[in-house]
Amino acid sequence: MQELKQLLLAGAQKLEVEINEIQLNQFNTYLELLMLWNNTYNLTAVKDRKQIVVRHFLDSIAVARFVEGERILDVGAGAGLPGIPLALLYPNVQFVL
């Protein structure tokens, strides 16, 4: 758990995105839910937690600096990517997935 948080924080720092403790916990909750429901609905081919952080969460927040406006539409979000990670970063923005 702590290793994944550090991985997310380090990656976000390289992307010049700040993540606070509340957001870290939210990302962890999302990771747990993604793992749980992926077994039922095959939401992503990525099964390893570390790879989910790198290939899904960090890839999603890589576009964070381009997010502008009060409402964002994420068409074809599938497993909620990139919309959910971006919504965790920007709680005051309305995201529709």
Protein backbone atom coordinates (compact mmCIF):
# COMPACT_ATOMS: atom_id res chain seq x y z
CA MET A 1 0.00 0.00 0.00
CA GLN A 2 2.66 2.51 1.03
CA GLU A 3 4.81 1.55 -1.96
CA LEU A 4 1.92 2.29 -4.34
CA LYS A 5 1.26 5.64 -2.69
CA GLN A 6 4.92 6.57 -3.05
CA LEU A 7 4.88 5.47 -6.69
CA LEU A 8 1.82 7.63 -7.37
CA LEU A 9 3.29 10.62 -5.53
CA ALA A 10 6.65 10.34 -7.32
CA GLY A 11 4.99 10.04 -10.71
CA ALA A 12 2.65 12.94 -10.03
CA GLN A 13 5.58 15.07 -8.94
CA LYS A 14 7.35 14.38 -12.24
CA LEU A 15 4.15 15.41 -14.01
CA GLU A 16 4.04 18.56 -11.84
CA VAL A 17 0.72 17.55 -10.27
CA GLU A 18 0.12 17.81 -6.54
CA ILE A 19 -1.77 15.05 -4.74
CA ASN A 20 -2.79 15.51 -1.12
CA GLU A 21 -3.41 12.83 1.50
CA ILE A 22 -7.17 12.81 0.95
CA GLN A 23 -6.67 12.30 -2.77
CA LEU A 24 -4.14 9.53 -2.11
CA ASN A 25 -6.76 7.72 -0.06
CA GLN A 26 -9.33 8.25 -2.81
CA PHE A 27 -6.95 6.81 -5.41
CA ASN A 28 -6.43 3.82 -3.12
CA THR A 29 -10.19 3.31 -2.80
CA TYR A 30 -10.57 3.54 -6.57
CA LEU A 31 -7.76 1.02 -7.01
CA GLU A 32 -9.48 -1.42 -4.65
CA LEU A 33 -12.82 -1.01 -6.42
CA LEU A 34 -11.19 -1.38 -9.82
CA MET A 35 -9.51 -4.61 -8.70
CA LEU A 36 -12.77 -5.93 -7.24
CA TRP A 37 -14.99 -5.17 -10.23
CA ASN A 38 -12.36 -6.06 -12.79
CA ASN A 39 -12.77 -9.69 -11.75
CA THR A 40 -16.45 -9.53 -12.67
CA TYR A 41 -16.54 -7.23 -15.69
CA ASN A 42 -12.99 -7.33 -17.11
CA LEU A 43 -12.65 -3.54 -17.03
CA THR A 44 -8.94 -3.60 -17.81
CA ALA A 45 -6.40 -6.16 -18.97
CA VAL A 46 -3.97 -4.81 -16.38
CA LYS A 47 -4.22 -6.92 -13.21
CA ASP A 48 -1.13 -5.86 -11.25
CA ARG A 49 -1.69 -3.03 -8.74
CA LYS A 50 1.64 -1.37 -9.48
CA GLN A 51 0.94 -1.44 -13.20
CA ILE A 52 -2.51 0.04 -12.63
CA VAL A 53 -0.90 2.96 -10.84
CA VAL A 54 1.65 3.47 -13.63
CA ARG A 55 -0.34 2.57 -16.74
CA HIS A 56 -3.73 3.90 -15.70
CA PHE A 57 -3.50 6.44 -12.90
CA LEU A 58 -0.32 8.22 -13.97
CA ASP A 59 -1.28 8.06 -17.64
CA SER A 60 -4.62 9.63 -16.73
CA ILE A 61 -3.18 12.45 -14.67
CA ALA A 62 -0.57 13.16 -17.36
CA VAL A 63 -3.27 15.24 -19.10
CA ALA A 64 -4.24 17.10 -15.92
CA ARG A 65 -2.57 20.35 -16.96
CA PHE A 66 -4.82 20.46 -20.02
CA VAL A 67 -8.06 20.21 -18.03
CA GLU A 68 -9.91 23.51 -18.19
CA GLY A 69 -13.43 24.57 -17.42
CA GLU A 70 -16.16 23.78 -14.93
CA ARG A 71 -17.53 20.73 -16.75
CA ILE A 72 -15.59 17.98 -18.50
CA LEU A 73 -16.99 15.20 -20.68
CA ASP A 74 -15.06 11.92 -20.88
CA VAL A 75 -16.59 9.95 -23.75
CA GLY A 76 -15.87 6.22 -23.74
CA ALA A 77 -14.38 6.14 -20.24
CA GLY A 78 -14.79 2.37 -19.87
CA ALA A 79 -13.25 1.66 -16.46
CA GLY A 80 -13.49 5.36 -15.63
CA LEU A 81 -10.16 6.34 -17.11
CA PRO A 82 -9.05 9.09 -17.34
CA GLY A 83 -12.19 10.71 -15.93
CA ILE A 84 -12.15 9.35 -12.38
CA PRO A 85 -8.47 10.07 -11.65
CA LEU A 86 -8.95 13.59 -13.04
CA ALA A 87 -12.11 14.05 -10.97
CA LEU A 88 -10.13 13.06 -7.87
CA LEU A 89 -7.57 15.75 -8.69
CA TYR A 90 -10.20 18.40 -9.44
CA PRO A 91 -13.10 17.92 -7.00
CA ASN A 92 -14.61 21.30 -7.92
CA VAL A 93 -14.96 20.36 -11.59
CA GLN A 94 -17.99 18.42 -12.79
CA PHE A 95 -16.99 15.31 -14.75
CA VAL A 96 -19.43 13.34 -16.87
CA LEU A 97 -18.25 9.91 -17.95
